[in-house]
Amino acid sequence: MSTDVSIQIQLKPAQAEAYLRWLTSQYEQLMAACWYDDRYRYTPQGLRGPKILADHPHIAGLNRTMRELVKARQGAKA
């Protein structure tokens, strides 16, 4: 039985920027480590990224968190 988890945090703009940079760094490192793994060598072009995200929920979670943080930042600037 799976249920979605929702969290809400308040960050100062400088904290949000630093957190986004850290999330991006973690995401890039993890994706690079998986990208060249033999497990994904023969995955068709265009499907490798989605396959990695499907196989590694922690990377997908980073991706989702980054997207939501970017959306929140853009909403704050408007």
PDB file of N, CA and C in Angstrom:
ATOM      1  N   MET A   1       0.847  -1.175   0.000  1.00  0.00           N
ATOM      2  CA  MET A   1       0.000   0.000   0.000  1.00  0.00           C
ATOM      3  C   MET A   1       0.892   1.238   0.000  1.00  0.00           C
ATOM      4  N   SER A   2       0.784   2.019  -1.048  1.00  0.00           N
ATOM      5  CA  SER A   2       1.628   3.196  -1.205  1.00  0.00           C
ATOM      6  C   SER A   2       0.779   4.462  -1.114  1.00  0.00           C
ATOM      7  N   THR A   3       1.262   5.416  -0.358  1.00  0.00           N
ATOM      8  CA  THR A   3       0.599   6.713  -0.288  1.00  0.00           C
ATOM      9  C   THR A   3       1.638   7.788  -0.552  1.00  0.00           C
ATOM     10  N   ASP A   4       1.194   8.850  -1.183  1.00  0.00           N
ATOM     11  CA  ASP A   4       2.096   9.964  -1.457  1.00  0.00           C
ATOM     12  C   ASP A   4       2.439  10.688  -0.166  1.00  0.00           C
ATOM     13  N   VAL A   5       3.622  11.260  -0.143  1.00  0.00           N
ATOM     14  CA  VAL A   5       4.087  12.044   0.995  1.00  0.00           C
ATOM     15  C   VAL A   5       4.234  13.482   0.525  1.00  0.00           C
ATOM     16  N   SER A   6       3.725  14.403   1.301  1.00  0.00           N
ATOM     17  CA  SER A   6       3.817  15.817   0.970  1.00  0.00           C
ATOM     18  C   SER A   6       4.493  16.542   2.123  1.00  0.00           C
ATOM     19  N   ILE A   7       5.428  17.429   1.793  1.00  0.00           N
ATOM     20  CA  ILE A   7       6.081  18.233   2.819  1.00  0.00           C
ATOM     21  C   ILE A   7       6.008  19.695   2.412  1.00  0.00           C
ATOM     22  N   GLN A   8       6.066  20.559   3.392  1.00  0.00           N
ATOM     23  CA  GLN A   8       6.084  21.994   3.130  1.00  0.00           C
ATOM     24  C   GLN A   8       7.177  22.603   3.991  1.00  0.00           C
ATOM     25  N   ILE A   9       8.035  23.399   3.368  1.00  0.00           N
ATOM     26  CA  ILE A   9       9.096  24.079   4.109  1.00  0.00           C
ATOM     27  C   ILE A   9       9.131  25.539   3.687  1.00  0.00           C
ATOM     28  N   GLN A  10       9.638  26.379   4.566  1.00  0.00           N
ATOM     29  CA  GLN A  10       9.836  27.785   4.247  1.00  0.00           C
ATOM     30  C   GLN A  10      11.328  28.054   4.306  1.00  0.00           C
ATOM     31  N   LEU A  11      11.847  28.615   3.224  1.00  0.00           N
ATOM     32  CA  LEU A  11      13.266  28.936   3.141  1.00  0.00           C
ATOM     33  C   LEU A  11      13.434  30.392   2.761  1.00  0.00           C
ATOM     34  N   LYS A  12      14.482  30.991   3.255  1.00  0.00           N
ATOM     35  CA  LYS A  12      14.854  32.321   2.794  1.00  0.00           C
ATOM     36  C   LYS A  12      15.418  32.162   1.386  1.00  0.00           C
ATOM     37  N   PRO A  13      15.365  33.219   0.565  1.00  0.00           N
ATOM     38  CA  PRO A  13      15.850  33.100  -0.811  1.00  0.00           C
ATOM     39  C   PRO A  13      17.274  32.552  -0.916  1.00  0.00           C
ATOM     40  N   ALA A  14      18.162  32.994  -0.048  1.00  0.00           N
ATOM     41  CA  ALA A  14      19.544  32.497  -0.101  1.00  0.00           C
ATOM     42  C   ALA A  14      19.602  31.008   0.235  1.00  0.00           C
ATOM     43  N   GLN A  15      18.778  30.587   1.181  1.00  0.00           N
ATOM     44  CA  GLN A  15      18.725  29.165   1.526  1.00  0.00           C
ATOM     45  C   GLN A  15      18.185  28.347   0.359  1.00  0.00           C
ATOM     46  N   ALA A  16      17.151  28.866  -0.286  1.00  0.00           N
ATOM     47  CA  ALA A  16      16.560  28.159  -1.425  1.00  0.00           C
ATOM     48  C   ALA A  16      17.575  28.004  -2.551  1.00  0.00           C
ATOM     49  N   GLU A  17      18.330  29.061  -2.828  1.00  0.00           N
ATOM     50  CA  GLU A  17      19.355  28.997  -3.880  1.00  0.00           C
ATOM     51  C   GLU A  17      20.427  27.973  -3.533  1.00  0.00           C
ATOM     52  N   ALA A  18      20.898  27.999  -2.301  1.00  0.00           N
ATOM     53  CA  ALA A  18      21.940  27.058  -1.880  1.00  0.00           C
ATOM     54  C   ALA A  18      21.414  25.624  -1.899  1.00  0.00           C
ATOM     55  N   TYR A  19      20.199  25.437  -1.453  1.00  0.00           N
ATOM     56  CA  TYR A  19      19.599  24.101  -1.438  1.00  0.00           C
ATOM     57  C   TYR A  19      19.433  23.572  -2.860  1.00  0.00           C
ATOM     58  N   LEU A  20      18.992  24.433  -3.768  1.00  0.00           N
ATOM     59  CA  LEU A  20      18.834  24.020  -5.162  1.00  0.00           C
ATOM     60  C   LEU A  20      20.178  23.645  -5.777  1.00  0.00           C
ATOM     61  N   ARG A  21      21.212  24.416  -5.474  1.00  0.00           N
ATOM     62  CA  ARG A  21      22.551  24.071  -5.984  1.00  0.00           C
ATOM     63  C   ARG A  21      23.000  22.718  -5.451  1.00  0.00           C
ATOM     64  N   TRP A  22      22.753  22.466  -4.167  1.00  0.00           N
ATOM     65  CA  TRP A  22      23.140  21.192  -3.569  1.00  0.00           C
ATOM     66  C   TRP A  22      22.350  20.033  -4.184  1.00  0.00           C
ATOM     67  N   LEU A  23      21.039  20.214  -4.330  1.00  0.00           N
ATOM     68  CA  LEU A  23      20.212  19.173  -4.946  1.00  0.00           C
ATOM     69  C   LEU A  23      20.687  18.868  -6.362  1.00  0.00           C
ATOM     70  N   THR A  24      20.981  19.918  -7.118  1.00  0.00           N
ATOM     71  CA  THR A  24      21.448  19.741  -8.491  1.00  0.00           C
ATOM     72  C   THR A  24      22.760  18.980  -8.523  1.00  0.00           C
ATOM     73  N   SER A  25      23.663  19.315  -7.639  1.00  0.00           N
ATOM     74  CA  SER A  25      24.948  18.624  -7.564  1.00  0.00           C
ATOM     75  C   SER A  25      24.757  17.139  -7.265  1.00  0.00           C
ATOM     76  N   GLN A  26      23.914  16.843  -6.287  1.00  0.00           N
ATOM     77  CA  GLN A  26      23.651  15.444  -5.933  1.00  0.00           C
ATOM     78  C   GLN A  26      23.024  14.695  -7.102  1.00  0.00           C
ATOM     79  N   TYR A  27      22.054  15.324  -7.745  1.00  0.00           N
ATOM     80  CA  TYR A  27      21.361  14.717  -8.881  1.00  0.00           C
ATOM     81  C   TYR A  27      22.345  14.424 -10.013  1.00  0.00           C
ATOM     82  N   GLU A  28      23.174  15.394 -10.350  1.00  0.00           N
ATOM     83  CA  GLU A  28      24.131  15.210 -11.447  1.00  0.00           C
ATOM     84  C   GLU A  28      25.129  14.100 -11.138  1.00  0.00           C
ATOM     85  N   GLN A  29      25.619  14.042  -9.912  1.00  0.00           N
ATOM     86  CA  GLN A  29      26.570  12.990  -9.537  1.00  0.00           C
ATOM     87  C   GLN A  29      25.935  11.609  -9.621  1.00  0.00           C
ATOM     88  N   LEU A  30      24.733  11.483  -9.101  1.00  0.00           N
ATOM     89  CA  LEU A  30      24.063  10.186  -9.112  1.00  0.00           C
ATOM     90  C   LEU A  30      23.685   9.755 -10.525  1.00  0.00           C
ATOM     91  N   MET A  31      23.196  10.687 -11.328  1.00  0.00           N
ATOM     92  CA  MET A  31      22.845  10.340 -12.709  1.00  0.00           C
ATOM     93  C   MET A  31      24.085   9.941 -13.497  1.00  0.00           C
ATOM     94  N   ALA A  32      25.182  10.650 -13.307  1.00  0.00           N
ATOM     95  CA  ALA A  32      26.417  10.306 -14.020  1.00  0.00           C
ATOM     96  C   ALA A  32      26.900   8.918 -13.625  1.00  0.00           C
ATOM     97  N   ALA A  33      26.780   8.584 -12.351  1.00  0.00           N
ATOM     98  CA  ALA A  33      27.215   7.261 -11.887  1.00  0.00           C
ATOM     99  C   ALA A  33      26.372   6.162 -12.524  1.00  0.00           C
ATOM    100  N   CYS A  34      25.093   6.411 -12.701  1.00  0.00           N
ATOM    101  CA  CYS A  34      24.208   5.409 -13.299  1.00  0.00           C
ATOM    102  C   CYS A  34      24.272   5.409 -14.824  1.00  0.00           C
ATOM    103  N   TRP A  35      24.466   6.578 -15.401  1.00  0.00           N
ATOM    104  CA  TRP A  35      24.363   6.742 -16.851  1.00  0.00           C
ATOM    105  C   TRP A  35      25.265   5.768 -17.607  1.00  0.00           C
ATOM    106  N   TYR A  36      26.482   5.601 -17.123  1.00  0.00           N
ATOM    107  CA  TYR A  36      27.448   4.762 -17.833  1.00  0.00           C
ATOM    108  C   TYR A  36      27.516   3.343 -17.278  1.00  0.00           C
ATOM    109  N   ASP A  37      26.599   2.993 -16.401  1.00  0.00           N
ATOM    110  CA  ASP A  37      26.535   1.641 -15.855  1.00  0.00           C
ATOM    111  C   ASP A  37      26.162   0.666 -16.977  1.00  0.00           C
ATOM    112  N   ASP A  38      26.771  -0.510 -16.960  1.00  0.00           N
ATOM    113  CA  ASP A  38      26.484  -1.521 -17.982  1.00  0.00           C
ATOM    114  C   ASP A  38      24.999  -1.874 -18.047  1.00  0.00           C
ATOM    115  N   ARG A  39      24.326  -1.717 -16.935  1.00  0.00           N
ATOM    116  CA  ARG A  39      22.895  -2.033 -16.881  1.00  0.00           C
ATOM    117  C   ARG A  39      22.090  -1.220 -17.895  1.00  0.00           C
ATOM    118  N   TYR A  40      22.555  -0.012 -18.205  1.00  0.00           N
ATOM    119  CA  TYR A  40      21.816   0.878 -19.102  1.00  0.00           C
ATOM    120  C   TYR A  40      22.494   1.048 -20.462  1.00  0.00           C
ATOM    121  N   ARG A  41      23.533   0.286 -20.707  1.00  0.00           N
ATOM    122  CA  ARG A  41      24.315   0.433 -21.937  1.00  0.00           C
ATOM    123  C   ARG A  41      23.455   0.304 -23.189  1.00  0.00           C
ATOM    124  N   TYR A  42      22.554  -0.651 -23.207  1.00  0.00           N
ATOM    125  CA  TYR A  42      21.762  -0.912 -24.411  1.00  0.00           C
ATOM    126  C   TYR A  42      20.345  -0.345 -24.334  1.00  0.00           C
ATOM    127  N   THR A  43      20.125   0.551 -23.406  1.00  0.00           N
ATOM    128  CA  THR A  43      18.833   1.233 -23.321  1.00  0.00           C
ATOM    129  C   THR A  43      18.740   2.208 -24.490  1.00  0.00           C
ATOM    130  N   PRO A  44      17.640   2.187 -25.240  1.00  0.00           N
ATOM    131  CA  PRO A  44      17.519   3.062 -26.409  1.00  0.00           C
ATOM    132  C   PRO A  44      17.672   4.546 -26.053  1.00  0.00           C
ATOM    133  N   GLN A  45      18.193   5.293 -27.029  1.00  0.00           N
ATOM    134  CA  GLN A  45      18.382   6.729 -26.851  1.00  0.00           C
ATOM    135  C   GLN A  45      17.047   7.378 -26.491  1.00  0.00           C
ATOM    136  N   GLY A  46      17.084   8.268 -25.539  1.00  0.00           N
ATOM    137  CA  GLY A  46      15.882   8.960 -25.093  1.00  0.00           C
ATOM    138  C   GLY A  46      15.152   8.258 -23.964  1.00  0.00           C
ATOM    139  N   LEU A  47      15.495   7.005 -23.712  1.00  0.00           N
ATOM    140  CA  LEU A  47      14.828   6.250 -22.655  1.00  0.00           C
ATOM    141  C   LEU A  47      15.726   5.984 -21.455  1.00  0.00           C
ATOM    142  N   ARG A  48      17.005   6.307 -21.586  1.00  0.00           N
ATOM    143  CA  ARG A  48      17.950   6.003 -20.506  1.00  0.00           C
ATOM    144  C   ARG A  48      17.620   6.790 -19.237  1.00  0.00           C
ATOM    145  N   GLY A  49      17.424   8.096 -19.367  1.00  0.00           N
ATOM    146  CA  GLY A  49      17.105   8.920 -18.197  1.00  0.00           C
ATOM    147  C   GLY A  49      15.845   8.456 -17.480  1.00  0.00           C
ATOM    148  N   PRO A  50      14.728   8.307 -18.205  1.00  0.00           N
ATOM    149  CA  PRO A  50      13.517   7.821 -17.545  1.00  0.00           C
ATOM    150  C   PRO A  50      13.680   6.435 -16.916  1.00  0.00           C
ATOM    151  N   LYS A  51      14.456   5.566 -17.551  1.00  0.00           N
ATOM    152  CA  LYS A  51      14.687   4.227 -16.999  1.00  0.00           C
ATOM    153  C   LYS A  51      15.464   4.319 -15.687  1.00  0.00           C
ATOM    154  N   ILE A  52      16.486   5.169 -15.659  1.00  0.00           N
ATOM    155  CA  ILE A  52      17.262   5.356 -14.427  1.00  0.00           C
ATOM    156  C   ILE A  52      16.363   5.892 -13.316  1.00  0.00           C
ATOM    157  N   LEU A  53      15.536   6.882 -13.639  1.00  0.00           N
ATOM    158  CA  LEU A  53      14.640   7.453 -12.627  1.00  0.00           C
ATOM    159  C   LEU A  53      13.637   6.417 -12.123  1.00  0.00           C
ATOM    160  N   ALA A  54      13.166   5.550 -13.019  1.00  0.00           N
ATOM    161  CA  ALA A  54      12.227   4.504 -12.610  1.00  0.00           C
ATOM    162  C   ALA A  54      12.900   3.476 -11.702  1.00  0.00           C
ATOM    163  N   ASP A  55      14.168   3.196 -11.964  1.00  0.00           N
ATOM    164  CA  ASP A  55      14.898   2.187 -11.193  1.00  0.00           C
ATOM    165  C   ASP A  55      15.456   2.712  -9.872  1.00  0.00           C
ATOM    166  N   HIS A  56      15.620   4.030  -9.765  1.00  0.00           N
ATOM    167  CA  HIS A  56      16.252   4.628  -8.581  1.00  0.00           C
ATOM    168  C   HIS A  56      15.344   5.725  -8.014  1.00  0.00           C
ATOM    169  N   PRO A  57      14.434   5.377  -7.120  1.00  0.00           N
ATOM    170  CA  PRO A  57      13.479   6.367  -6.610  1.00  0.00           C
ATOM    171  C   PRO A  57      14.120   7.536  -5.872  1.00  0.00           C
ATOM    172  N   HIS A  58      15.303   7.339  -5.293  1.00  0.00           N
ATOM    173  CA  HIS A  58      15.943   8.459  -4.591  1.00  0.00           C
ATOM    174  C   HIS A  58      16.396   9.532  -5.584  1.00  0.00           C
ATOM    175  N   ILE A  59      16.805   9.122  -6.779  1.00  0.00           N
ATOM    176  CA  ILE A  59      17.187  10.097  -7.803  1.00  0.00           C
ATOM    177  C   ILE A  59      15.931  10.791  -8.328  1.00  0.00           C
ATOM    178  N   ALA A  60      14.867  10.030  -8.521  1.00  0.00           N
ATOM    179  CA  ALA A  60      13.604  10.623  -8.960  1.00  0.00           C
ATOM    180  C   ALA A  60      13.095  11.624  -7.924  1.00  0.00           C
ATOM    181  N   GLY A  61      13.291  11.318  -6.648  1.00  0.00           N
ATOM    182  CA  GLY A  61      12.886  12.243  -5.588  1.00  0.00           C
ATOM    183  C   GLY A  61      13.669  13.545  -5.628  1.00  0.00           C
ATOM    184  N   LEU A  62      14.973  13.441  -5.896  1.00  0.00           N
ATOM    185  CA  LEU A  62      15.784  14.653  -6.051  1.00  0.00           C
ATOM    186  C   LEU A  62      15.267  15.485  -7.217  1.00  0.00           C
ATOM    187  N   ASN A  63      14.978  14.813  -8.328  1.00  0.00           N
ATOM    188  CA  ASN A  63      14.493  15.497  -9.522  1.00  0.00           C
ATOM    189  C   ASN A  63      13.187  16.222  -9.224  1.00  0.00           C
ATOM    190  N   ARG A  64      12.275  15.553  -8.566  1.00  0.00           N
ATOM    191  CA  ARG A  64      10.980  16.155  -8.249  1.00  0.00           C
ATOM    192  C   ARG A  64      11.141  17.344  -7.296  1.00  0.00           C
ATOM    193  N   THR A  65      11.997  17.190  -6.303  1.00  0.00           N
ATOM    194  CA  THR A  65      12.240  18.267  -5.346  1.00  0.00           C
ATOM    195  C   THR A  65      12.825  19.486  -6.044  1.00  0.00           C
ATOM    196  N   MET A  66      13.772  19.257  -6.957  1.00  0.00           N
ATOM    197  CA  MET A  66      14.374  20.370  -7.703  1.00  0.00           C
ATOM    198  C   MET A  66      13.325  21.099  -8.542  1.00  0.00           C
ATOM    199  N   ARG A  67      12.482  20.340  -9.243  1.00  0.00           N
ATOM    200  CA  ARG A  67      11.452  20.966 -10.081  1.00  0.00           C
ATOM    201  C   ARG A  67      10.492  21.802  -9.247  1.00  0.00           C
ATOM    202  N   GLU A  68      10.079  21.276  -8.103  1.00  0.00           N
ATOM    203  CA  GLU A  68       9.148  22.019  -7.245  1.00  0.00           C
ATOM    204  C   GLU A  68       9.802  23.263  -6.652  1.00  0.00           C
ATOM    205  N   LEU A  69      11.065  23.163  -6.308  1.00  0.00           N
ATOM    206  CA  LEU A  69      11.783  24.315  -5.763  1.00  0.00           C
ATOM    207  C   LEU A  69      11.928  25.406  -6.823  1.00  0.00           C
ATOM    208  N   VAL A  70      12.228  25.021  -8.050  1.00  0.00           N
ATOM    209  CA  VAL A  70      12.328  26.000  -9.142  1.00  0.00           C
ATOM    210  C   VAL A  70      10.971  26.669  -9.367  1.00  0.00           C
ATOM    211  N   LYS A  71       9.885  25.895  -9.375  1.00  0.00           N
ATOM    212  CA  LYS A  71       8.547  26.473  -9.547  1.00  0.00           C
ATOM    213  C   LYS A  71       8.215  27.443  -8.420  1.00  0.00           C
ATOM    214  N   ALA A  72       8.560  27.085  -7.192  1.00  0.00           N
ATOM    215  CA  ALA A  72       8.285  27.960  -6.048  1.00  0.00           C
ATOM    216  C   ALA A  72       9.086  29.253  -6.150  1.00  0.00           C
ATOM    217  N   ARG A  73      10.335  29.146  -6.580  1.00  0.00           N
ATOM    218  CA  ARG A  73      11.172  30.347  -6.744  1.00  0.00           C
ATOM    219  C   ARG A  73      10.595  31.258  -7.807  1.00  0.00           C
ATOM    220  N   GLN A  74      10.153  30.690  -8.923  1.00  0.00           N
ATOM    221  CA  GLN A  74       9.586  31.500 -10.000  1.00  0.00           C
ATOM    222  C   GLN A  74       8.296  32.172  -9.549  1.00  0.00           C
ATOM    223  N   GLY A  75       7.504  31.470  -8.758  1.00  0.00           N
ATOM    224  CA  GLY A  75       6.272  32.050  -8.223  1.00  0.00           C
ATOM    225  C   GLY A  75       6.552  33.183  -7.253  1.00  0.00           C
ATOM    226  N   ALA A  76       7.635  33.079  -6.502  1.00  0.00           N
ATOM    227  CA  ALA A  76       7.997  34.118  -5.539  1.00  0.00           C
ATOM    228  C   ALA A  76       8.481  35.380  -6.242  1.00  0.00           C
ATOM    229  N   LYS A  77       9.093  35.217  -7.420  1.00  0.00           N
ATOM    230  CA  LYS A  77       9.611  36.372  -8.158  1.00  0.00           C
ATOM    231  C   LYS A  77       8.502  37.132  -8.867  1.00  0.00           C
ATOM    232  N   ALA A  78       7.397  36.458  -9.164  1.00  0.00           N
ATOM    233  CA  ALA A  78       6.308  37.088  -9.924  1.00  0.00           C
ATOM    234  C   ALA A  78       5.554  38.104  -9.105  1.00  0.00           C
TER     235      ALA A  78
END
